[in-house]
Amino acid sequence: MRHIQTALLLATGLAAAQVFAHTPLCSCYDNGDGTVFCEGGFSDGSSASGVEIRVLDADGNAVIDGVMTENSEFEFDKPDGDYQVVFDAGPGHEITIDGEDIVE
């Protein structure tokens, strides 16, 4: 019985470590020329290549849809007015960045 408890405890610890090993990361910068550059990845060093990116207007409507390049980058024309950038790597791995927080 003690071996089973130890095995369950070990398995639970490993599962928890895997959950935290894949924290999404995304930063966006205003290029100063009417475009915005975003780069993403994961805390364990994994690439964000192919991760979905959406730019939403103030009403939450998608005005730009795309994916991160093979270099985990995405560049777009800065929309007029308020906007948000959504880095969507799936449930529990989504980051939303307000346009007002994106600076040169």
PDB file of N, CA and C in Angstrom:
ATOM      1  N   MET A   1       0.827  -1.194   0.000  1.00  0.00           N
ATOM      2  CA  MET A   1       0.000   0.000   0.000  1.00  0.00           C
ATOM      3  C   MET A   1       0.875   1.264   0.000  1.00  0.00           C
ATOM      4  N   ARG A   2       1.964   1.210   0.750  1.00  0.00           N
ATOM      5  CA  ARG A   2       2.844   2.364   0.831  1.00  0.00           C
ATOM      6  C   ARG A   2       3.466   2.694  -0.530  1.00  0.00           C
ATOM      7  N   HIS A   3       3.788   1.667  -1.320  1.00  0.00           N
ATOM      8  CA  HIS A   3       4.365   1.886  -2.651  1.00  0.00           C
ATOM      9  C   HIS A   3       3.349   2.547  -3.573  1.00  0.00           C
ATOM     10  N   ILE A   4       2.099   2.181  -3.426  1.00  0.00           N
ATOM     11  CA  ILE A   4       1.055   2.784  -4.262  1.00  0.00           C
ATOM     12  C   ILE A   4       0.899   4.254  -3.915  1.00  0.00           C
ATOM     13  N   GLN A   5       0.906   4.581  -2.620  1.00  0.00           N
ATOM     14  CA  GLN A   5       0.796   5.980  -2.216  1.00  0.00           C
ATOM     15  C   GLN A   5       1.991   6.792  -2.723  1.00  0.00           C
ATOM     16  N   THR A   6       3.157   6.232  -2.629  1.00  0.00           N
ATOM     17  CA  THR A   6       4.362   6.913  -3.110  1.00  0.00           C
ATOM     18  C   THR A   6       4.288   7.127  -4.616  1.00  0.00           C
ATOM     19  N   ALA A   7       3.850   6.118  -5.342  1.00  0.00           N
ATOM     20  CA  ALA A   7       3.726   6.227  -6.796  1.00  0.00           C
ATOM     21  C   ALA A   7       2.695   7.288  -7.178  1.00  0.00           C
ATOM     22  N   LEU A   8       1.570   7.325  -6.477  1.00  0.00           N
ATOM     23  CA  LEU A   8       0.545   8.336  -6.767  1.00  0.00           C
ATOM     24  C   LEU A   8       1.054   9.740  -6.460  1.00  0.00           C
ATOM     25  N   LEU A   9       1.755   9.887  -5.369  1.00  0.00           N
ATOM     26  CA  LEU A   9       2.311  11.184  -5.014  1.00  0.00           C
ATOM     27  C   LEU A   9       3.327  11.646  -6.053  1.00  0.00           C
ATOM     28  N   LEU A  10       4.182  10.755  -6.491  1.00  0.00           N
ATOM     29  CA  LEU A  10       5.170  11.072  -7.510  1.00  0.00           C
ATOM     30  C   LEU A  10       4.496  11.449  -8.827  1.00  0.00           C
ATOM     31  N   ALA A  11       3.496  10.691  -9.228  1.00  0.00           N
ATOM     32  CA  ALA A  11       2.773  10.963 -10.482  1.00  0.00           C
ATOM     33  C   ALA A  11       2.074  12.315 -10.417  1.00  0.00           C
ATOM     34  N   THR A  12       1.478  12.632  -9.277  1.00  0.00           N
ATOM     35  CA  THR A  12       0.806  13.916  -9.114  1.00  0.00           C
ATOM     36  C   THR A  12       1.810  15.056  -9.215  1.00  0.00           C
ATOM     37  N   GLY A  13       2.967  14.891  -8.590  1.00  0.00           N
ATOM     38  CA  GLY A  13       4.013  15.915  -8.654  1.00  0.00           C
ATOM     39  C   GLY A  13       4.518  16.132 -10.060  1.00  0.00           C
ATOM     40  N   LEU A  14       4.701  15.066 -10.811  1.00  0.00           N
ATOM     41  CA  LEU A  14       5.159  15.188 -12.195  1.00  0.00           C
ATOM     42  C   LEU A  14       4.115  15.870 -13.059  1.00  0.00           C
ATOM     43  N   ALA A  15       2.841  15.527 -12.856  1.00  0.00           N
ATOM     44  CA  ALA A  15       1.768  16.151 -13.628  1.00  0.00           C
ATOM     45  C   ALA A  15       1.712  17.646 -13.337  1.00  0.00           C
ATOM     46  N   ALA A  16       1.863  18.025 -12.079  1.00  0.00           N
ATOM     47  CA  ALA A  16       1.854  19.446 -11.724  1.00  0.00           C
ATOM     48  C   ALA A  16       3.034  20.163 -12.362  1.00  0.00           C
ATOM     49  N   ALA A  17       4.189  19.549 -12.387  1.00  0.00           N
ATOM     50  CA  ALA A  17       5.365  20.169 -13.001  1.00  0.00           C
ATOM     51  C   ALA A  17       5.150  20.384 -14.487  1.00  0.00           C
ATOM     52  N   GLN A  18       4.488  19.459 -15.151  1.00  0.00           N
ATOM     53  CA  GLN A  18       4.234  19.602 -16.581  1.00  0.00           C
ATOM     54  C   GLN A  18       3.282  20.752 -16.852  1.00  0.00           C
ATOM     55  N   VAL A  19       2.310  20.966 -15.972  1.00  0.00           N
ATOM     56  CA  VAL A  19       1.363  22.065 -16.148  1.00  0.00           C
ATOM     57  C   VAL A  19       2.099  23.395 -16.121  1.00  0.00           C
ATOM     58  N   PHE A  20       3.025  23.567 -15.186  1.00  0.00           N
ATOM     59  CA  PHE A  20       3.732  24.821 -15.050  1.00  0.00           C
ATOM     60  C   PHE A  20       4.886  24.963 -16.036  1.00  0.00           C
ATOM     61  N   ALA A  21       5.274  23.923 -16.709  1.00  0.00           N
ATOM     62  CA  ALA A  21       6.417  23.964 -17.613  1.00  0.00           C
ATOM     63  C   ALA A  21       6.090  24.645 -18.936  1.00  0.00           C
ATOM     64  N   HIS A  22       4.832  24.902 -19.195  1.00  0.00           N
ATOM     65  CA  HIS A  22       4.423  25.418 -20.491  1.00  0.00           C
ATOM     66  C   HIS A  22       3.677  26.747 -20.379  1.00  0.00           C
ATOM     67  N   THR A  23       4.148  27.654 -19.551  1.00  0.00           N
ATOM     68  CA  THR A  23       3.502  28.955 -19.402  1.00  0.00           C
ATOM     69  C   THR A  23       3.708  29.765 -20.679  1.00  0.00           C
ATOM     70  N   PRO A  24       2.612  30.302 -21.262  1.00  0.00           N
ATOM     71  CA  PRO A  24       2.771  31.090 -22.482  1.00  0.00           C
ATOM     72  C   PRO A  24       3.390  32.452 -22.197  1.00  0.00           C
ATOM     73  N   LEU A  25       4.158  32.950 -23.150  1.00  0.00           N
ATOM     74  CA  LEU A  25       4.792  34.258 -23.068  1.00  0.00           C
ATOM     75  C   LEU A  25       4.543  35.007 -24.369  1.00  0.00           C
ATOM     76  N   CYS A  26       4.173  36.273 -24.270  1.00  0.00           N
ATOM     77  CA  CYS A  26       3.969  37.072 -25.480  1.00  0.00           C
ATOM     78  C   CYS A  26       4.214  38.541 -25.149  1.00  0.00           C
ATOM     79  N   SER A  27       4.975  39.205 -25.987  1.00  0.00           N
ATOM     80  CA  SER A  27       5.244  40.636 -25.853  1.00  0.00           C
ATOM     81  C   SER A  27       5.017  41.294 -27.198  1.00  0.00           C
ATOM     82  N   CYS A  28       4.461  42.500 -27.161  1.00  0.00           N
ATOM     83  CA  CYS A  28       4.225  43.258 -28.387  1.00  0.00           C
ATOM     84  C   CYS A  28       4.810  44.654 -28.243  1.00  0.00           C
ATOM     85  N   TYR A  29       5.310  45.193 -29.365  1.00  0.00           N
ATOM     86  CA  TYR A  29       5.977  46.489 -29.383  1.00  0.00           C
ATOM     87  C   TYR A  29       5.455  47.322 -30.544  1.00  0.00           C
ATOM     88  N   ASP A  30       5.208  48.605 -30.288  1.00  0.00           N
ATOM     89  CA  ASP A  30       4.832  49.541 -31.335  1.00  0.00           C
ATOM     90  C   ASP A  30       6.114  49.928 -32.061  1.00  0.00           C
ATOM     91  N   ASN A  31       6.183  49.666 -33.353  1.00  0.00           N
ATOM     92  CA  ASN A  31       7.382  49.956 -34.134  1.00  0.00           C
ATOM     93  C   ASN A  31       7.561  51.447 -34.432  1.00  0.00           C
ATOM     94  N   GLY A  32       6.512  52.242 -34.170  1.00  0.00           N
ATOM     95  CA  GLY A  32       6.596  53.675 -34.435  1.00  0.00           C
ATOM     96  C   GLY A  32       6.334  54.046 -35.877  1.00  0.00           C
ATOM     97  N   ASP A  33       6.032  53.061 -36.712  1.00  0.00           N
ATOM     98  CA  ASP A  33       5.777  53.318 -38.131  1.00  0.00           C
ATOM     99  C   ASP A  33       4.372  52.858 -38.548  1.00  0.00           C
ATOM    100  N   GLY A  34       3.479  52.698 -37.567  1.00  0.00           N
ATOM    101  CA  GLY A  34       2.124  52.252 -37.866  1.00  0.00           C
ATOM    102  C   GLY A  34       1.963  50.742 -37.811  1.00  0.00           C
ATOM    103  N   THR A  35       3.022  50.040 -37.414  1.00  0.00           N
ATOM    104  CA  THR A  35       2.941  48.588 -37.285  1.00  0.00           C
ATOM    105  C   THR A  35       3.276  48.165 -35.852  1.00  0.00           C
ATOM    106  N   VAL A  36       2.833  46.969 -35.496  1.00  0.00           N
ATOM    107  CA  VAL A  36       3.098  46.389 -34.180  1.00  0.00           C
ATOM    108  C   VAL A  36       3.770  45.038 -34.398  1.00  0.00           C
ATOM    109  N   PHE A  37       4.803  44.768 -33.604  1.00  0.00           N
ATOM    110  CA  PHE A  37       5.549  43.518 -33.685  1.00  0.00           C
ATOM    111  C   PHE A  37       5.341  42.741 -32.391  1.00  0.00           C
ATOM    112  N   CYS A  38       4.956  41.465 -32.512  1.00  0.00           N
ATOM    113  CA  CYS A  38       4.765  40.600 -31.348  1.00  0.00           C
ATOM    114  C   CYS A  38       5.673  39.384 -31.471  1.00  0.00           C
ATOM    115  N   GLU A  39       6.172  38.935 -30.318  1.00  0.00           N
ATOM    116  CA  GLU A  39       6.948  37.705 -30.274  1.00  0.00           C
ATOM    117  C   GLU A  39       6.420  36.871 -29.115  1.00  0.00           C
ATOM    118  N   GLY A  40       6.416  35.552 -29.312  1.00  0.00           N
ATOM    119  CA  GLY A  40       5.862  34.679 -28.288  1.00  0.00           C
ATOM    120  C   GLY A  40       6.694  33.430 -28.100  1.00  0.00           C
ATOM    121  N   GLY A  41       6.292  32.658 -27.137  1.00  0.00           N
ATOM    122  CA  GLY A  41       6.963  31.407 -26.822  1.00  0.00           C
ATOM    123  C   GLY A  41       6.386  30.827 -25.551  1.00  0.00           C
ATOM    124  N   PHE A  42       7.108  29.903 -24.966  1.00  0.00           N
ATOM    125  CA  PHE A  42       6.679  29.261 -23.734  1.00  0.00           C
ATOM    126  C   PHE A  42       7.835  29.228 -22.755  1.00  0.00           C
ATOM    127  N   SER A  43       7.522  29.195 -21.478  1.00  0.00           N
ATOM    128  CA  SER A  43       8.535  29.280 -20.430  1.00  0.00           C
ATOM    129  C   SER A  43       9.548  28.142 -20.463  1.00  0.00           C
ATOM    130  N   ASP A  44       9.197  27.035 -21.105  1.00  0.00           N
ATOM    131  CA  ASP A  44      10.152  25.922 -21.201  1.00  0.00           C
ATOM    132  C   ASP A  44      11.018  26.021 -22.451  1.00  0.00           C
ATOM    133  N   GLY A  45      10.919  27.145 -23.173  1.00  0.00           N
ATOM    134  CA  GLY A  45      11.726  27.355 -24.370  1.00  0.00           C
ATOM    135  C   GLY A  45      11.074  26.892 -25.654  1.00  0.00           C
ATOM    136  N   SER A  46       9.862  26.342 -25.567  1.00  0.00           N
ATOM    137  CA  SER A  46       9.157  25.859 -26.757  1.00  0.00           C
ATOM    138  C   SER A  46       8.798  27.015 -27.686  1.00  0.00           C
ATOM    139  N   SER A  47       8.787  26.728 -28.956  1.00  0.00           N
ATOM    140  CA  SER A  47       8.411  27.684 -29.985  1.00  0.00           C
ATOM    141  C   SER A  47       6.911  27.956 -29.944  1.00  0.00           C
ATOM    142  N   ALA A  48       6.536  29.166 -30.379  1.00  0.00           N
ATOM    143  CA  ALA A  48       5.123  29.513 -30.520  1.00  0.00           C
ATOM    144  C   ALA A  48       4.716  29.481 -31.999  1.00  0.00           C
ATOM    145  N   SER A  49       5.526  28.874 -32.826  1.00  0.00           N
ATOM    146  CA  SER A  49       5.217  28.774 -34.253  1.00  0.00           C
ATOM    147  C   SER A  49       3.837  28.154 -34.446  1.00  0.00           C
ATOM    148  N   GLY A  50       2.994  28.843 -35.218  1.00  0.00           N
ATOM    149  CA  GLY A  50       1.654  28.339 -35.507  1.00  0.00           C
ATOM    150  C   GLY A  50       0.596  28.720 -34.491  1.00  0.00           C
ATOM    151  N   VAL A  51       0.987  29.359 -33.385  1.00  0.00           N
ATOM    152  CA  VAL A  51       0.008  29.786 -32.380  1.00  0.00           C
ATOM    153  C   VAL A  51      -0.855  30.893 -32.974  1.00  0.00           C
ATOM    154  N   GLU A  52      -2.151  30.804 -32.734  1.00  0.00           N
ATOM    155  CA  GLU A  52      -3.096  31.785 -33.273  1.00  0.00           C
ATOM    156  C   GLU A  52      -2.948  33.132 -32.589  1.00  0.00           C
ATOM    157  N   ILE A  53      -3.060  34.187 -33.392  1.00  0.00           N
ATOM    158  CA  ILE A  53      -3.042  35.568 -32.919  1.00  0.00           C
ATOM    159  C   ILE A  53      -4.278  36.261 -33.486  1.00  0.00           C
ATOM    160  N   ARG A  54      -4.991  36.968 -32.611  1.00  0.00           N
ATOM    161  CA  ARG A  54      -6.144  37.763 -33.051  1.00  0.00           C
ATOM    162  C   ARG A  54      -5.972  39.188 -32.538  1.00  0.00           C
ATOM    163  N   VAL A  55      -6.330  40.143 -33.378  1.00  0.00           N
ATOM    164  CA  VAL A  55      -6.376  41.532 -32.957  1.00  0.00           C
ATOM    165  C   VAL A  55      -7.856  41.900 -32.939  1.00  0.00           C
ATOM    166  N   LEU A  56      -8.306  42.346 -31.755  1.00  0.00           N
ATOM    167  CA  LEU A  56      -9.716  42.667 -31.553  1.00  0.00           C
ATOM    168  C   LEU A  56      -9.906  44.167 -31.450  1.00  0.00           C
ATOM    169  N   ASP A  57     -11.039  44.656 -31.992  1.00  0.00           N
ATOM    170  CA  ASP A  57     -11.356  46.072 -31.837  1.00  0.00           C
ATOM    171  C   ASP A  57     -12.005  46.293 -30.467  1.00  0.00           C
ATOM    172  N   ALA A  58     -12.423  47.526 -30.189  1.00  0.00           N
ATOM    173  CA  ALA A  58     -12.986  47.878 -28.881  1.00  0.00           C
ATOM    174  C   ALA A  58     -14.256  47.093 -28.560  1.00  0.00           C
ATOM    175  N   ASP A  59     -14.942  46.599 -29.582  1.00  0.00           N
ATOM    176  CA  ASP A  59     -16.167  45.825 -29.371  1.00  0.00           C
ATOM    177  C   ASP A  59     -15.902  44.328 -29.264  1.00  0.00           C
ATOM    178  N   GLY A  60     -14.640  43.929 -29.344  1.00  0.00           N
ATOM    179  CA  GLY A  60     -14.290  42.517 -29.243  1.00  0.00           C
ATOM    180  C   GLY A  60     -14.373  41.759 -30.557  1.00  0.00           C
ATOM    181  N   ASN A  61     -14.532  42.485 -31.665  1.00  0.00           N
ATOM    182  CA  ASN A  61     -14.582  41.853 -32.984  1.00  0.00           C
ATOM    183  C   ASN A  61     -13.169  41.674 -33.531  1.00  0.00           C
ATOM    184  N   ALA A  62     -12.896  40.519 -34.118  1.00  0.00           N
ATOM    185  CA  ALA A  62     -11.589  40.256 -34.714  1.00  0.00           C
ATOM    186  C   ALA A  62     -11.421  41.108 -35.968  1.00  0.00           C
ATOM    187  N   VAL A  63     -10.362  41.922 -35.978  1.00  0.00           N
ATOM    188  CA  VAL A  63     -10.069  42.733 -37.162  1.00  0.00           C
ATOM    189  C   VAL A  63      -8.866  42.168 -37.911  1.00  0.00           C
ATOM    190  N   ILE A  64      -8.060  41.350 -37.228  1.00  0.00           N
ATOM    191  CA  ILE A  64      -6.922  40.679 -37.844  1.00  0.00           C
ATOM    192  C   ILE A  64      -6.810  39.296 -37.226  1.00  0.00           C
ATOM    193  N   ASP A  65      -6.674  38.273 -38.060  1.00  0.00           N
ATOM    194  CA  ASP A  65      -6.438  36.900 -37.612  1.00  0.00           C
ATOM    195  C   ASP A  65      -5.155  36.416 -38.254  1.00  0.00           C
ATOM    196  N   GLY A  66      -4.347  35.704 -37.508  1.00  0.00           N
ATOM    197  CA  GLY A  66      -3.117  35.166 -38.071  1.00  0.00           C
ATOM    198  C   GLY A  66      -2.500  34.142 -37.143  1.00  0.00           C
ATOM    199  N   VAL A  67      -1.278  33.741 -37.465  1.00  0.00           N
ATOM    200  CA  VAL A  67      -0.529  32.789 -36.643  1.00  0.00           C
ATOM    201  C   VAL A  67       0.913  33.261 -36.532  1.00  0.00           C
ATOM    202  N   MET A  68       1.570  32.853 -35.466  1.00  0.00           N
ATOM    203  CA  MET A  68       2.984  33.153 -35.277  1.00  0.00           C
ATOM    204  C   MET A  68       3.792  32.450 -36.367  1.00  0.00           C
ATOM    205  N   THR A  69       4.822  33.123 -36.867  1.00  0.00           N
ATOM    206  CA  THR A  69       5.700  32.551 -37.888  1.00  0.00           C
ATOM    207  C   THR A  69       6.553  31.441 -37.276  1.00  0.00           C
ATOM    208  N   GLU A  70       7.381  30.816 -38.101  1.00  0.00           N
ATOM    209  CA  GLU A  70       8.282  29.770 -37.601  1.00  0.00           C
ATOM    210  C   GLU A  70       9.293  30.338 -36.601  1.00  0.00           C
ATOM    211  N   ASN A  71       9.467  31.665 -36.598  1.00  0.00           N
ATOM    212  CA  ASN A  71      10.344  32.327 -35.632  1.00  0.00           C
ATOM    213  C   ASN A  71       9.574  32.857 -34.421  1.00  0.00           C
ATOM    214  N   SER A  72       8.307  32.430 -34.288  1.00  0.00           N
ATOM    215  CA  SER A  72       7.436  32.844 -33.174  1.00  0.00           C
ATOM    216  C   SER A  72       7.208  34.352 -33.156  1.00  0.00           C
ATOM    217  N   GLU A  73       6.986  34.935 -34.344  1.00  0.00           N
ATOM    218  CA  GLU A  73       6.767  36.364 -34.482  1.00  0.00           C
ATOM    219  C   GLU A  73       5.489  36.626 -35.265  1.00  0.00           C
ATOM    220  N   PHE A  74       4.918  37.827 -35.043  1.00  0.00           N
ATOM    221  CA  PHE A  74       3.738  38.249 -35.783  1.00  0.00           C
ATOM    222  C   PHE A  74       3.769  39.764 -35.848  1.00  0.00           C
ATOM    223  N   GLU A  75       3.624  40.304 -37.041  1.00  0.00           N
ATOM    224  CA  GLU A  75       3.617  41.755 -37.234  1.00  0.00           C
ATOM    225  C   GLU A  75       2.343  42.148 -37.955  1.00  0.00           C
ATOM    226  N   PHE A  76       1.750  43.279 -37.550  1.00  0.00           N
ATOM    227  CA  PHE A  76       0.489  43.717 -38.161  1.00  0.00           C
ATOM    228  C   PHE A  76       0.405  45.235 -38.166  1.00  0.00           C
ATOM    229  N   ASP A  77      -0.484  45.752 -39.045  1.00  0.00           N
ATOM    230  CA  ASP A  77      -0.749  47.182 -39.083  1.00  0.00           C
ATOM    231  C   ASP A  77      -1.584  47.554 -37.866  1.00  0.00           C
ATOM    232  N   LYS A  78      -1.137  48.567 -37.149  1.00  0.00           N
ATOM    233  CA  LYS A  78      -1.817  49.007 -35.934  1.00  0.00           C
ATOM    234  C   LYS A  78      -3.205  49.550 -36.295  1.00  0.00           C
ATOM    235  N   PRO A  79      -4.248  48.998 -35.676  1.00  0.00           N
ATOM    236  CA  PRO A  79      -5.598  49.487 -35.984  1.00  0.00           C
ATOM    237  C   PRO A  79      -5.853  50.861 -35.355  1.00  0.00           C
ATOM    238  N   ASP A  80      -6.800  51.590 -35.916  1.00  0.00           N
ATOM    239  CA  ASP A  80      -7.219  52.857 -35.327  1.00  0.00           C
ATOM    240  C   ASP A  80      -8.047  52.562 -34.083  1.00  0.00           C
ATOM    241  N   GLY A  81      -7.948  53.396 -33.090  1.00  0.00           N
ATOM    242  CA  GLY A  81      -8.759  53.254 -31.885  1.00  0.00           C
ATOM    243  C   GLY A  81      -8.226  52.186 -30.942  1.00  0.00           C
ATOM    244  N   ASP A  82      -9.060  51.842 -29.958  1.00  0.00           N
ATOM    245  CA  ASP A  82      -8.685  50.849 -28.954  1.00  0.00           C
ATOM    246  C   ASP A  82      -8.662  49.450 -29.566  1.00  0.00           C
ATOM    247  N   TYR A  83      -7.712  48.648 -29.110  1.00  0.00           N
ATOM    248  CA  TYR A  83      -7.606  47.277 -29.598  1.00  0.00           C
ATOM    249  C   TYR A  83      -6.909  46.403 -28.568  1.00  0.00           C
ATOM    250  N   GLN A  84      -7.014  45.100 -28.765  1.00  0.00           N
ATOM    251  CA  GLN A  84      -6.330  44.109 -27.936  1.00  0.00           C
ATOM    252  C   GLN A  84      -5.704  43.071 -28.849  1.00  0.00           C
ATOM    253  N   VAL A  85      -4.588  42.504 -28.389  1.00  0.00           N
ATOM    254  CA  VAL A  85      -3.942  41.395 -29.087  1.00  0.00           C
ATOM    255  C   VAL A  85      -4.143  40.150 -28.228  1.00  0.00           C
ATOM    256  N   VAL A  86      -4.631  39.072 -28.853  1.00  0.00           N
ATOM    257  CA  VAL A  86      -4.857  37.818 -28.136  1.00  0.00           C
ATOM    258  C   VAL A  86      -3.921  36.747 -28.699  1.00  0.00           C
ATOM    259  N   PHE A  87      -3.047  36.235 -27.848  1.00  0.00           N
ATOM    260  CA  PHE A  87      -2.144  35.121 -28.147  1.00  0.00           C
ATOM    261  C   PHE A  87      -2.871  33.892 -27.639  1.00  0.00           C
ATOM    262  N   ASP A  88      -3.346  33.020 -28.532  1.00  0.00           N
ATOM    263  CA  ASP A  88      -4.228  31.913 -28.149  1.00  0.00           C
ATOM    264  C   ASP A  88      -3.600  30.564 -28.467  1.00  0.00           C
ATOM    265  N   ALA A  89      -2.922  30.000 -27.457  1.00  0.00           N
ATOM    266  CA  ALA A  89      -2.284  28.690 -27.615  1.00  0.00           C
ATOM    267  C   ALA A  89      -3.166  27.575 -27.054  1.00  0.00           C
ATOM    268  N   GLY A  90      -4.455  27.863 -26.844  1.00  0.00           N
ATOM    269  CA  GLY A  90      -5.386  26.853 -26.352  1.00  0.00           C
ATOM    270  C   GLY A  90      -5.830  27.143 -24.929  1.00  0.00           C
ATOM    271  N   PRO A  91      -6.761  26.338 -24.431  1.00  0.00           N
ATOM    272  CA  PRO A  91      -7.310  26.549 -23.087  1.00  0.00           C
ATOM    273  C   PRO A  91      -6.209  26.625 -22.022  1.00  0.00           C
ATOM    274  N   GLY A  92      -6.283  27.681 -21.220  1.00  0.00           N
ATOM    275  CA  GLY A  92      -5.295  27.874 -20.170  1.00  0.00           C
ATOM    276  C   GLY A  92      -3.981  28.452 -20.653  1.00  0.00           C
ATOM    277  N   HIS A  93      -3.874  28.709 -21.956  1.00  0.00           N
ATOM    278  CA  HIS A  93      -2.638  29.233 -22.542  1.00  0.00           C
ATOM    279  C   HIS A  93      -2.949  30.438 -23.427  1.00  0.00           C
ATOM    280  N   GLU A  94      -3.742  31.357 -22.916  1.00  0.00           N
ATOM    281  CA  GLU A  94      -4.147  32.539 -23.666  1.00  0.00           C
ATOM    282  C   GLU A  94      -3.661  33.788 -22.941  1.00  0.00           C
ATOM    283  N   ILE A  95      -3.135  34.718 -23.717  1.00  0.00           N
ATOM    284  CA  ILE A  95      -2.687  35.997 -23.182  1.00  0.00           C
ATOM    285  C   ILE A  95      -3.377  37.102 -23.971  1.00  0.00           C
ATOM    286  N   THR A  96      -3.909  38.087 -23.254  1.00  0.00           N
ATOM    287  CA  THR A  96      -4.520  39.246 -23.891  1.00  0.00           C
ATOM    288  C   THR A  96      -3.717  40.483 -23.497  1.00  0.00           C
ATOM    289  N   ILE A  97      -3.317  41.248 -24.509  1.00  0.00           N
ATOM    290  CA  ILE A  97      -2.534  42.464 -24.290  1.00  0.00           C
ATOM    291  C   ILE A  97      -3.351  43.651 -24.803  1.00  0.00           C
ATOM    292  N   ASP A  98      -3.613  44.631 -23.936  1.00  0.00           N
ATOM    293  CA  ASP A  98      -4.331  45.832 -24.344  1.00  0.00           C
ATOM    294  C   ASP A  98      -3.433  46.704 -25.200  1.00  0.00           C
ATOM    295  N   GLY A  99      -3.993  47.273 -26.253  1.00  0.00           N
ATOM    296  CA  GLY A  99      -3.230  48.134 -27.151  1.00  0.00           C
ATOM    297  C   GLY A  99      -2.567  49.291 -26.430  1.00  0.00           C
ATOM    298  N   GLU A 100      -3.214  49.815 -25.385  1.00  0.00           N
ATOM    299  CA  GLU A 100      -2.621  50.937 -24.660  1.00  0.00           C
ATOM    300  C   GLU A 100      -1.345  50.543 -23.911  1.00  0.00           C
ATOM    301  N   ASP A 101      -1.135  49.251 -23.717  1.00  0.00           N
ATOM    302  CA  ASP A 101       0.077  48.769 -23.057  1.00  0.00           C
ATOM    303  C   ASP A 101       1.209  48.478 -24.046  1.00  0.00           C
ATOM    304  N   ILE A 102       0.927  48.619 -25.328  1.00  0.00           N
ATOM    305  CA  ILE A 102       1.932  48.356 -26.364  1.00  0.00           C
ATOM    306  C   ILE A 102       2.591  49.681 -26.729  1.00  0.00           C
ATOM    307  N   VAL A 103       3.854  49.799 -26.369  1.00  0.00           N
ATOM    308  CA  VAL A 103       4.561  51.062 -26.575  1.00  0.00           C
ATOM    309  C   VAL A 103       5.849  50.838 -27.361  1.00  0.00           C
ATOM    310  N   GLU A 104       6.420  51.943 -27.833  1.00  0.00           N
ATOM    311  CA  GLU A 104       7.685  51.885 -28.583  1.00  0.00           C
ATOM    312  C   GLU A 104       8.825  51.503 -27.668  1.00  0.00           C
TER     313      GLU A 104
END
